[in-house]
C-alpha atoms as a PDB file:
ATOM      1  CA  MET A   1      20.713   3.429  -3.191  1.00  0.00           C
ATOM      2  CA  THR A   2      17.541   1.361  -2.947  1.00  0.00           C
ATOM      3  CA  GLU A   3      14.368   2.866  -4.389  1.00  0.00           C
ATOM      4  CA  ILE A   4      10.905   1.529  -3.624  1.00  0.00           C
ATOM      5  CA  CYS A   5       7.755   2.547  -5.457  1.00  0.00           C
ATOM      6  CA  LEU A   6       4.844   1.918  -3.078  1.00  0.00           C
ATOM      7  CA  VAL A   7       1.630   1.205  -4.986  1.00  0.00           C
ATOM      8  CA  ARG A   8      -1.701   1.075  -3.208  1.00  0.00           C
ATOM      9  CA  HIS A   9      -3.882  -1.675  -4.673  1.00  0.00           C
ATOM     10  CA  GLY A  10      -6.756  -0.805  -6.991  1.00  0.00           C
ATOM     11  CA  GLU A  11     -10.231  -0.087  -5.752  1.00  0.00           C
ATOM     12  CA  THR A  12     -12.591  -2.727  -4.364  1.00  0.00           C
ATOM     13  CA  GLU A  13     -16.324  -2.728  -3.728  1.00  0.00           C
ATOM     14  CA  TRP A  14     -15.595  -2.280  -0.027  1.00  0.00           C
ATOM     15  CA  ASN A  15     -13.548   0.839  -0.812  1.00  0.00           C
ATOM     16  CA  GLN A  16     -16.589   2.210  -2.626  1.00  0.00           C
ATOM     17  CA  LEU A  17     -18.824   1.367   0.333  1.00  0.00           C
ATOM     18  CA  GLY A  18     -16.376   2.831   2.849  1.00  0.00           C
ATOM     19  CA  LYS A  19     -15.906  -0.484   4.657  1.00  0.00           C
ATOM     20  CA  LEU A  20     -12.738  -1.220   6.591  1.00  0.00           C
ATOM     21  CA  GLN A  21     -11.033  -4.147   4.842  1.00  0.00           C
ATOM     22  CA  GLY A  22      -7.976  -5.083   6.855  1.00  0.00           C
ATOM     23  CA  ARG A  23      -7.152  -8.761   6.313  1.00  0.00           C
ATOM     24  CA  THR A  24     -10.525  -9.491   4.693  1.00  0.00           C
ATOM     25  CA  ASP A  25      -9.578 -10.835   1.269  1.00  0.00           C
ATOM     26  CA  THR A  26     -11.617  -8.650  -1.091  1.00  0.00           C
ATOM     27  CA  GLU A  27     -11.133  -8.464  -4.855  1.00  0.00           C
ATOM     28  CA  LEU A  28     -10.718  -5.564  -7.267  1.00  0.00           C
ATOM     29  CA  ASP A  29     -13.872  -4.125  -8.799  1.00  0.00           C
ATOM     30  CA  ASP A  30     -14.009  -2.955 -12.434  1.00  0.00           C
ATOM     31  CA  ASN A  31     -12.594   0.452 -11.563  1.00  0.00           C
ATOM     32  CA  GLY A  32      -9.841  -1.200  -9.515  1.00  0.00           C
ATOM     33  CA  ILE A  33      -8.852  -3.350 -12.486  1.00  0.00           C
ATOM     34  CA  GLN A  34      -8.643  -0.215 -14.634  1.00  0.00           C
ATOM     35  CA  GLN A  35      -6.488   1.480 -11.984  1.00  0.00           C
ATOM     36  CA  ALA A  36      -4.178  -1.547 -11.877  1.00  0.00           C
ATOM     37  CA  LYS A  37      -3.789  -1.431 -15.656  1.00  0.00           C
ATOM     38  CA  GLU A  38      -3.027   2.289 -15.492  1.00  0.00           C
ATOM     39  CA  CYS A  39      -0.386   1.673 -12.821  1.00  0.00           C
ATOM     40  CA  ALA A  40       1.187  -0.938 -15.078  1.00  0.00           C
ATOM     41  CA  LYS A  41       1.204   1.462 -18.015  1.00  0.00           C
ATOM     42  CA  ALA A  42       2.733   4.244 -15.905  1.00  0.00           C
ATOM     43  CA  LEU A  43       5.494   1.930 -14.673  1.00  0.00           C
ATOM     44  CA  ASN A  44       6.243   0.503 -18.121  1.00  0.00           C
ATOM     45  CA  GLY A  45       9.896   1.121 -18.951  1.00  0.00           C
ATOM     46  CA  LYS A  46      10.926   1.410 -15.309  1.00  0.00           C
ATOM     47  CA  GLN A  47      14.159  -0.501 -14.691  1.00  0.00           C
ATOM     48  CA  GLY A  48      12.711  -2.479 -11.825  1.00  0.00           C
ATOM     49  CA  SER A  49      14.514  -5.320 -10.095  1.00  0.00           C
ATOM     50  CA  ALA A  50      11.399  -7.001  -8.702  1.00  0.00           C
ATOM     51  CA  ILE A  51       7.778  -6.575  -7.699  1.00  0.00           C
ATOM     52  CA  VAL A  52       6.854  -7.473  -4.116  1.00  0.00           C
ATOM     53  CA  THR A  53       3.220  -7.824  -3.136  1.00  0.00           C
ATOM     54  CA  SER A  54       0.996  -8.452  -0.161  1.00  0.00           C
ATOM     55  CA  PRO A  55      -0.603 -11.914  -0.408  1.00  0.00           C
ATOM     56  CA  LEU A  56      -4.160 -10.516  -0.371  1.00  0.00           C
ATOM     57  CA  ARG A  57      -5.988 -10.817  -3.703  1.00  0.00           C
ATOM     58  CA  ARG A  58      -6.603  -7.106  -4.256  1.00  0.00           C
ATOM     59  CA  ALA A  59      -2.857  -6.472  -4.049  1.00  0.00           C
ATOM     60  CA  CYS A  60      -1.818  -9.610  -5.953  1.00  0.00           C
ATOM     61  CA  CYS A  61      -4.118  -8.785  -8.855  1.00  0.00           C
ATOM     62  CA  THR A  62      -2.742  -5.235  -9.040  1.00  0.00           C
ATOM     63  CA  ALA A  63       0.805  -6.611  -8.944  1.00  0.00           C
ATOM     64  CA  GLU A  64       0.073  -9.156 -11.671  1.00  0.00           C
ATOM     65  CA  PHE A  65      -0.986  -6.423 -14.107  1.00  0.00           C
ATOM     66  CA  ILE A  66       2.268  -4.594 -13.372  1.00  0.00           C
ATOM     67  CA  GLN A  67       4.322  -7.771 -13.750  1.00  0.00           C
ATOM     68  CA  GLU A  68       2.693  -8.519 -17.098  1.00  0.00           C
ATOM     69  CA  GLN A  69       3.895  -5.132 -18.347  1.00  0.00           C
ATOM     70  CA  LEU A  70       7.384  -5.114 -16.825  1.00  0.00           C
ATOM     71  CA  GLN A  71       8.264  -8.818 -17.087  1.00  0.00           C
ATOM     72  CA  ILE A  72      10.303  -8.847 -13.860  1.00  0.00           C
ATOM     73  CA  PRO A  73      10.106 -11.274 -10.906  1.00  0.00           C
ATOM     74  CA  LEU A  74       6.973 -11.107  -8.742  1.00  0.00           C
ATOM     75  CA  LEU A  75       7.287 -12.148  -5.096  1.00  0.00           C
ATOM     76  CA  LYS A  76       4.724 -12.387  -2.299  1.00  0.00           C
ATOM     77  CA  MET A  77       5.806 -11.117   1.105  1.00  0.00           C
ATOM     78  CA  ASP A  78       3.532 -11.644   4.103  1.00  0.00           C
ATOM     79  CA  ASP A  79       5.032  -8.673   5.946  1.00  0.00           C
ATOM     80  CA  PHE A  80       3.330  -6.294   3.486  1.00  0.00           C
ATOM     81  CA  ILE A  81      -0.159  -7.636   4.257  1.00  0.00           C
ATOM     82  CA  GLU A  82      -2.704  -5.071   5.448  1.00  0.00           C
ATOM     83  CA  ARG A  83      -2.995  -4.316   9.142  1.00  0.00           C
ATOM     84  CA  SER A  84      -5.617  -6.408  10.884  1.00  0.00           C
ATOM     85  CA  PHE A  85      -8.451  -4.298  12.267  1.00  0.00           C
ATOM     86  CA  GLY A  86      -9.989  -7.129  14.242  1.00  0.00           C
ATOM     87  CA  THR A  87     -13.723  -6.985  14.829  1.00  0.00           C
ATOM     88  CA  ALA A  88     -14.051  -3.640  13.011  1.00  0.00           C
ATOM     89  CA  GLU A  89     -13.410  -5.190   9.606  1.00  0.00           C
ATOM     90  CA  GLY A  90     -16.420  -4.955   7.321  1.00  0.00           C
ATOM     91  CA  MET A  91     -17.806  -1.905   9.134  1.00  0.00           C
ATOM     92  CA  THR A  92     -18.390   1.537   7.621  1.00  0.00           C
ATOM     93  CA  VAL A  93     -17.078   4.687   9.315  1.00  0.00           C
ATOM     94  CA  GLU A  94     -20.483   5.322  10.895  1.00  0.00           C
ATOM     95  CA  GLU A  95     -20.760   1.757  12.164  1.00  0.00           C
ATOM     96  CA  ARG A  96     -17.276   1.902  13.662  1.00  0.00           C
ATOM     97  CA  LEU A  97     -17.926   5.197  15.429  1.00  0.00           C
ATOM     98  CA  THR A  98     -21.114   3.769  16.921  1.00  0.00           C
ATOM     99  CA  ALA A  99     -19.588   0.458  18.001  1.00  0.00           C
ATOM    100  CA  TYR A 100     -16.163   1.787  19.006  1.00  0.00           C
ATOM    101  CA  PRO A 101     -16.347   5.521  19.805  1.00  0.00           C
ATOM    102  CA  ASP A 102     -12.873   5.326  21.373  1.00  0.00           C
ATOM    103  CA  ARG A 103     -11.561   3.880  18.058  1.00  0.00           C
ATOM    104  CA  ILE A 104     -10.018   0.915  19.854  1.00  0.00           C
ATOM    105  CA  TYR A 105     -10.879  -2.206  17.876  1.00  0.00           C
ATOM    106  CA  PRO A 106     -10.769  -5.587  19.646  1.00  0.00           C
ATOM    107  CA  GLN A 107      -8.202  -7.983  18.148  1.00  0.00           C
ATOM    108  CA  GLN A 108      -6.601  -5.221  16.069  1.00  0.00           C
ATOM    109  CA  GLU A 109      -2.915  -5.641  15.208  1.00  0.00           C
ATOM    110  CA  THR A 110      -0.860  -3.414  17.487  1.00  0.00           C
ATOM    111  CA  GLU A 111       1.145  -0.546  16.055  1.00  0.00           C
ATOM    112  CA  ALA A 112       4.268  -2.054  17.635  1.00  0.00           C
ATOM    113  CA  HIS A 113       3.778  -5.310  15.716  1.00  0.00           C
ATOM    114  CA  LEU A 114       3.002  -3.406  12.515  1.00  0.00           C
ATOM    115  CA  GLU A 115       6.215  -1.417  12.893  1.00  0.00           C
ATOM    116  CA  GLN A 116       8.247  -4.559  13.621  1.00  0.00           C
ATOM    117  CA  ARG A 117       7.129  -6.469  10.537  1.00  0.00           C
ATOM    118  CA  LEU A 118       7.406  -3.490   8.198  1.00  0.00           C
ATOM    119  CA  ARG A 119      10.894  -2.688   9.444  1.00  0.00           C
ATOM    120  CA  ALA A 120      11.865  -6.324   8.788  1.00  0.00           C
ATOM    121  CA  ALA A 121      10.365  -6.180   5.289  1.00  0.00           C
ATOM    122  CA  LEU A 122      12.233  -2.985   4.383  1.00  0.00           C
ATOM    123  CA  ASN A 123      15.488  -4.382   5.753  1.00  0.00           C
ATOM    124  CA  GLU A 124      15.062  -7.502   3.629  1.00  0.00           C
ATOM    125  CA  ILE A 125      14.443  -5.497   0.458  1.00  0.00           C
ATOM    126  CA  GLN A 126      17.341  -3.151   1.146  1.00  0.00           C
ATOM    127  CA  SER A 127      19.612  -6.127   1.791  1.00  0.00           C
ATOM    128  CA  GLN A 128      18.575  -8.005  -1.356  1.00  0.00           C
ATOM    129  CA  TYR A 129      18.469  -4.968  -3.666  1.00  0.00           C
ATOM    130  CA  PRO A 130      21.029  -2.455  -2.323  1.00  0.00           C
ATOM    131  CA  HIS A 131      21.181  -0.679  -5.697  1.00  0.00           C
ATOM    132  CA  GLY A 132      17.831  -1.742  -7.103  1.00  0.00           C
ATOM    133  CA  GLN A 133      14.400  -0.362  -7.855  1.00  0.00           C
ATOM    134  CA  VAL A 134      11.603  -2.404  -6.303  1.00  0.00           C
ATOM    135  CA  ILE A 135       7.853  -2.017  -6.695  1.00  0.00           C
ATOM    136  CA  VAL A 136       5.838  -2.899  -3.584  1.00  0.00           C
ATOM    137  CA  VAL A 137       2.071  -3.355  -3.915  1.00  0.00           C
ATOM    138  CA  SER A 138       0.378  -3.030  -0.554  1.00  0.00           C
ATOM    139  CA  HIS A 139      -2.437  -1.356   1.378  1.00  0.00           C
ATOM    140  CA  GLY A 140      -3.591   1.962   2.777  1.00  0.00           C
ATOM    141  CA  ALA A 141      -2.694   1.499   6.441  1.00  0.00           C
ATOM    142  CA  VAL A 142       0.663  -0.115   5.629  1.00  0.00           C
ATOM    143  CA  ILE A 143       1.788   2.545   3.153  1.00  0.00           C
ATOM    144  CA  ASN A 144       0.473   5.363   5.337  1.00  0.00           C
ATOM    145  CA  TYR A 145       2.420   4.031   8.306  1.00  0.00           C
ATOM    146  CA  LEU A 146       5.628   3.686   6.299  1.00  0.00           C
ATOM    147  CA  LEU A 147       5.381   7.202   4.885  1.00  0.00           C
ATOM    148  CA  ARG A 148       4.505   8.841   8.201  1.00  0.00           C
ATOM    149  CA  SER A 149       7.364   7.045   9.949  1.00  0.00           C
ATOM    150  CA  MET A 150       9.837   8.427   7.404  1.00  0.00           C
ATOM    151  CA  CYS A 151       8.585  11.962   6.832  1.00  0.00           C
ATOM    152  CA  THR A 152      10.610  14.911   8.068  1.00  0.00           C
ATOM    153  CA  HIS A 153       9.415  18.146   9.636  1.00  0.00           C
ATOM    154  CA  ASP A 154       9.111  19.799   6.209  1.00  0.00           C
ATOM    155  CA  MET A 155       6.822  17.087   4.781  1.00  0.00           C
ATOM    156  CA  GLU A 156       3.606  16.113   6.499  1.00  0.00           C
ATOM    157  CA  ILE A 157       1.761  12.968   5.437  1.00  0.00           C
ATOM    158  CA  PRO A 158      -1.954  13.181   6.288  1.00  0.00           C
ATOM    159  CA  ARG A 159      -3.533  10.053   7.698  1.00  0.00           C
ATOM    160  CA  HIS A 160      -5.758   8.041   5.345  1.00  0.00           C
ATOM    161  CA  SER A 161      -4.832  10.234   2.376  1.00  0.00           C
ATOM    162  CA  LEU A 162      -3.882   7.570  -0.153  1.00  0.00           C
ATOM    163  CA  VAL A 163      -5.955   7.057  -3.280  1.00  0.00           C
ATOM    164  CA  ASN A 164      -6.435   3.535  -4.632  1.00  0.00           C
ATOM    165  CA  GLY A 165      -3.840   2.998  -7.360  1.00  0.00           C
ATOM    166  CA  SER A 166      -1.691   5.876  -6.125  1.00  0.00           C
ATOM    167  CA  MET A 167       2.093   5.667  -6.088  1.00  0.00           C
ATOM    168  CA  SER A 168       4.585   6.910  -3.506  1.00  0.00           C
ATOM    169  CA  THR A 169       8.375   6.675  -3.657  1.00  0.00           C
ATOM    170  CA  ILE A 170      10.887   6.100  -0.869  1.00  0.00           C
ATOM    171  CA  THR A 171      14.671   5.747  -1.104  1.00  0.00           C
ATOM    172  CA  TYR A 172      17.315   4.322   1.195  1.00  0.00           C
ATOM    173  CA  ARG A 173      20.441   6.461   1.287  1.00  0.00           C
ATOM    174  CA  ASP A 174      22.942   7.596   3.899  1.00  0.00           C
ATOM    175  CA  GLY A 175      21.699   4.900   6.262  1.00  0.00           C
ATOM    176  CA  ALA A 176      18.050   5.983   6.351  1.00  0.00           C
ATOM    177  CA  TRP A 177      14.800   5.856   4.398  1.00  0.00           C
ATOM    178  CA  HIS A 178      13.482   9.071   2.844  1.00  0.00           C
ATOM    179  CA  VAL A 179      10.141   9.989   1.242  1.00  0.00           C
ATOM    180  CA  GLN A 180      10.582  11.282  -2.304  1.00  0.00           C
ATOM    181  CA  ASP A 181       6.919  11.757  -3.167  1.00  0.00           C
ATOM    182  CA  PHE A 182       3.552  10.424  -2.068  1.00  0.00           C
ATOM    183  CA  ASN A 183       0.036   9.792  -3.330  1.00  0.00           C
ATOM    184  CA  MET A 184       0.873  10.437  -6.990  1.00  0.00           C
ATOM    185  CA  THR A 185      -2.283  10.053  -9.101  1.00  0.00           C
ATOM    186  CA  HIS A 186      -1.422  11.652 -12.460  1.00  0.00           C
ATOM    187  CA  HIS A 187      -1.595   8.247 -14.175  1.00  0.00           C
ATOM    188  CA  LEU A 188      -5.163   7.530 -13.028  1.00  0.00           C
ATOM    189  CA  SER A 189      -8.084   8.446 -15.269  1.00  0.00           C
ATOM    190  CA  HIS A 190     -10.696   7.921 -12.562  1.00  0.00           C
ATOM    191  CA  TYR A 191     -10.446   7.831  -8.810  1.00  0.00           C
ATOM    192  CA  LYS A 192     -12.138   9.135  -5.701  1.00  0.00           C
ATOM    193  CA  GLU A 193     -10.593  10.664  -2.628  1.00  0.00           C
ATOM    194  CA  ILE A 194     -11.958   7.728  -0.665  1.00  0.00           C
ATOM    195  CA  GLY A 195      -9.261   7.596   1.953  1.00  0.00           C
ATOM    196  CA  LYS A 196     -10.693   4.448   3.493  1.00  0.00           C
ATOM    197  CA  MET A 197      -8.585   1.381   4.203  1.00  0.00           C
END
């Protein structure tokens, strides 16, 4: 059985401002650094095989704090990068609703492409670590999509529900991925229900 702990990166200034980040390479703010350290502390002692991170700095920095605690290999995987939101990146909710009331953002990554690359990433992890525990540090839209694609009728994953620094767990067994838990925040001393990506 493969187990993956999905960690959403720590908070950034754009999270605080409610700006859509996408591929824009923002950095952790002071609260985000604290959240990353708290994730590392919560995962200390976990028998992890590896840490896999998105190449964006907010994810890499979060992953580096975890790696410092666990002392296991840290790998960057482009397939776990945040979804591109095209010309809507950098806009607040209000600005996006004004500019794009239909919520269709020019140059946004398609859901089909998002699904394709995430499926490939999961297959690679499952193939490399068929009996391992892997920590994946990624982003709101990516983790939300993964969880919603795996949830069953008795577990509903709300859109945009993930807190910065939250953890969710999925497992691969009996030929399929399953959600064990999502948006766990017990390890965080301070967070906001921002819900922005």
